[in-house]
Amino acid sequence: MKFEELSEKLYTKAGHYKFAKQPNEFDRGYMKISDWINDLCWYYISERKNSDKEMENEFKELLSIQKKKIDALQPSLYKEGLIKAINDAL
């Protein structure tokens, strides 16, 4: 789900209800749930960023472990190629 787009869409639509000259129960209800959905969107946006960061850290850790294993190999062009590819990925 595209939480950023949904949040932006809700914000845009909520303007009509937020600035109503004489807000009624419908307007207040719309704003209440719209704010809640927006908060929920931002929660999931931040969770996704945290999850992405965790996956990135795990990926880099796996590359580092593999690089340590490669360092134990005898010097060769093959080893240099392996290390270059890992360094390019880091």
C-alpha atoms as a PDB file:
ATOM      1  CA  MET A   1       0.000   0.000   0.000  1.00  0.00           C
ATOM      2  CA  LYS A   2       1.228   3.498  -0.792  1.00  0.00           C
ATOM      3  CA  PHE A   3       0.814   5.092   2.614  1.00  0.00           C
ATOM      4  CA  GLU A   4       2.388   8.402   1.584  1.00  0.00           C
ATOM      5  CA  GLU A   5      -0.132   8.847  -1.235  1.00  0.00           C
ATOM      6  CA  LEU A   6      -3.055   7.896   0.993  1.00  0.00           C
ATOM      7  CA  SER A   7      -1.931  10.353   3.679  1.00  0.00           C
ATOM      8  CA  GLU A   8      -1.601  13.135   1.110  1.00  0.00           C
ATOM      9  CA  LYS A   9      -4.998  12.304  -0.381  1.00  0.00           C
ATOM     10  CA  LEU A  10      -6.656  12.368   3.054  1.00  0.00           C
ATOM     11  CA  TYR A  11      -5.009  15.679   3.894  1.00  0.00           C
ATOM     12  CA  THR A  12      -6.262  17.205   0.661  1.00  0.00           C
ATOM     13  CA  LYS A  13      -9.809  15.906   1.082  1.00  0.00           C
ATOM     14  CA  ALA A  14      -9.973  16.842   4.763  1.00  0.00           C
ATOM     15  CA  GLY A  15      -9.510  20.537   3.977  1.00  0.00           C
ATOM     16  CA  HIS A  16     -13.116  20.806   2.859  1.00  0.00           C
ATOM     17  CA  TYR A  17     -14.375  19.410   6.160  1.00  0.00           C
ATOM     18  CA  LYS A  18     -11.790  21.111   8.360  1.00  0.00           C
ATOM     19  CA  PHE A  19     -12.613  24.590   7.121  1.00  0.00           C
ATOM     20  CA  ALA A  20     -16.373  24.201   6.807  1.00  0.00           C
ATOM     21  CA  LYS A  21     -18.119  27.461   7.795  1.00  0.00           C
ATOM     22  CA  GLN A  22     -20.509  25.602  10.045  1.00  0.00           C
ATOM     23  CA  PRO A  23     -19.021  22.189  10.812  1.00  0.00           C
ATOM     24  CA  ASN A  24     -21.627  19.542  11.518  1.00  0.00           C
ATOM     25  CA  GLU A  25     -21.374  16.049  13.007  1.00  0.00           C
ATOM     26  CA  PHE A  26     -20.491  14.593   9.608  1.00  0.00           C
ATOM     27  CA  ASP A  27     -17.565  17.023   9.261  1.00  0.00           C
ATOM     28  CA  ARG A  28     -16.334  16.273  12.781  1.00  0.00           C
ATOM     29  CA  GLY A  29     -16.664  12.528  12.190  1.00  0.00           C
ATOM     30  CA  TYR A  30     -14.814  12.750   8.895  1.00  0.00           C
ATOM     31  CA  MET A  31     -12.002  14.757  10.471  1.00  0.00           C
ATOM     32  CA  LYS A  32     -11.721  12.443  13.479  1.00  0.00           C
ATOM     33  CA  ILE A  33     -11.311   9.261  11.429  1.00  0.00           C
ATOM     34  CA  SER A  34      -9.244  11.037   8.782  1.00  0.00           C
ATOM     35  CA  ASP A  35      -6.749  12.134  11.460  1.00  0.00           C
ATOM     36  CA  TRP A  36      -6.659   8.613  12.864  1.00  0.00           C
ATOM     37  CA  ILE A  37      -6.053   7.060   9.424  1.00  0.00           C
ATOM     38  CA  ASN A  38      -3.343   9.634   8.740  1.00  0.00           C
ATOM     39  CA  ASP A  39      -1.611   8.773  12.031  1.00  0.00           C
ATOM     40  CA  LEU A  40      -1.880   5.095  11.111  1.00  0.00           C
ATOM     41  CA  CYS A  41      -0.314   5.803   7.710  1.00  0.00           C
ATOM     42  CA  TRP A  42       2.609   7.615   9.305  1.00  0.00           C
ATOM     43  CA  TYR A  43       3.084   4.757  11.766  1.00  0.00           C
ATOM     44  CA  TYR A  44       3.373   2.269   8.905  1.00  0.00           C
ATOM     45  CA  ILE A  45       5.642   4.597   6.939  1.00  0.00           C
ATOM     46  CA  SER A  46       8.027   4.763   9.913  1.00  0.00           C
ATOM     47  CA  GLU A  47       7.795   0.984  10.451  1.00  0.00           C
ATOM     48  CA  ARG A  48       8.677   0.405   6.814  1.00  0.00           C
ATOM     49  CA  LYS A  49      11.705   2.689   7.116  1.00  0.00           C
ATOM     50  CA  ASN A  50      12.826   0.869  10.269  1.00  0.00           C
ATOM     51  CA  SER A  51      12.299  -2.490   8.585  1.00  0.00           C
ATOM     52  CA  ASP A  52      14.220  -1.349   5.503  1.00  0.00           C
ATOM     53  CA  LYS A  53      17.093  -0.175   7.712  1.00  0.00           C
ATOM     54  CA  GLU A  54      17.139  -3.489   9.593  1.00  0.00           C
ATOM     55  CA  MET A  55      17.220  -5.438   6.317  1.00  0.00           C
ATOM     56  CA  GLU A  56      19.997  -3.205   4.998  1.00  0.00           C
ATOM     57  CA  ASN A  57      22.044  -3.783   8.170  1.00  0.00           C
ATOM     58  CA  GLU A  58      21.494  -7.540   7.939  1.00  0.00           C
ATOM     59  CA  PHE A  59      22.506  -7.498   4.260  1.00  0.00           C
ATOM     60  CA  LYS A  60      25.713  -5.584   5.025  1.00  0.00           C
ATOM     61  CA  GLU A  61      26.505  -7.908   7.921  1.00  0.00           C
ATOM     62  CA  LEU A  62      26.167 -10.955   5.642  1.00  0.00           C
ATOM     63  CA  LEU A  63      28.479  -9.324   3.104  1.00  0.00           C
ATOM     64  CA  SER A  64      31.019  -8.582   5.829  1.00  0.00           C
ATOM     65  CA  ILE A  65      30.924 -12.186   7.034  1.00  0.00           C
ATOM     66  CA  GLN A  66      31.422 -13.428   3.479  1.00  0.00           C
ATOM     67  CA  LYS A  67      34.294 -10.977   2.982  1.00  0.00           C
ATOM     68  CA  LYS A  68      36.045 -12.364   6.083  1.00  0.00           C
ATOM     69  CA  LYS A  69      35.718 -15.872   4.651  1.00  0.00           C
ATOM     70  CA  ILE A  70      37.156 -14.704   1.324  1.00  0.00           C
ATOM     71  CA  ASP A  71      40.095 -13.055   3.097  1.00  0.00           C
ATOM     72  CA  ALA A  72      41.217 -16.555   4.157  1.00  0.00           C
ATOM     73  CA  LEU A  73      41.708 -17.587   0.510  1.00  0.00           C
ATOM     74  CA  GLN A  74      45.126 -17.599  -1.110  1.00  0.00           C
ATOM     75  CA  PRO A  75      45.905 -14.433  -3.104  1.00  0.00           C
ATOM     76  CA  SER A  76      44.596 -14.697  -6.678  1.00  0.00           C
ATOM     77  CA  LEU A  77      42.740 -12.751  -9.329  1.00  0.00           C
ATOM     78  CA  TYR A  78      39.648 -14.761  -8.411  1.00  0.00           C
ATOM     79  CA  LYS A  79      39.907 -13.561  -4.794  1.00  0.00           C
ATOM     80  CA  GLU A  80      40.432  -9.979  -5.973  1.00  0.00           C
ATOM     81  CA  GLY A  81      37.285 -10.264  -8.102  1.00  0.00           C
ATOM     82  CA  LEU A  82      35.274 -11.561  -5.149  1.00  0.00           C
ATOM     83  CA  ILE A  83      36.469  -8.773  -2.876  1.00  0.00           C
ATOM     84  CA  LYS A  84      35.872  -6.074  -5.509  1.00  0.00           C
ATOM     85  CA  ALA A  85      32.284  -7.257  -6.028  1.00  0.00           C
ATOM     86  CA  ILE A  86      31.620  -7.207  -2.286  1.00  0.00           C
ATOM     87  CA  ASN A  87      33.203  -3.773  -1.878  1.00  0.00           C
ATOM     88  CA  ASP A  88      31.099  -2.474  -4.770  1.00  0.00           C
ATOM     89  CA  ALA A  89      27.986  -3.753  -3.001  1.00  0.00           C
ATOM     90  CA  LEU A  90      28.941  -2.139   0.293  1.00  0.00           C
END
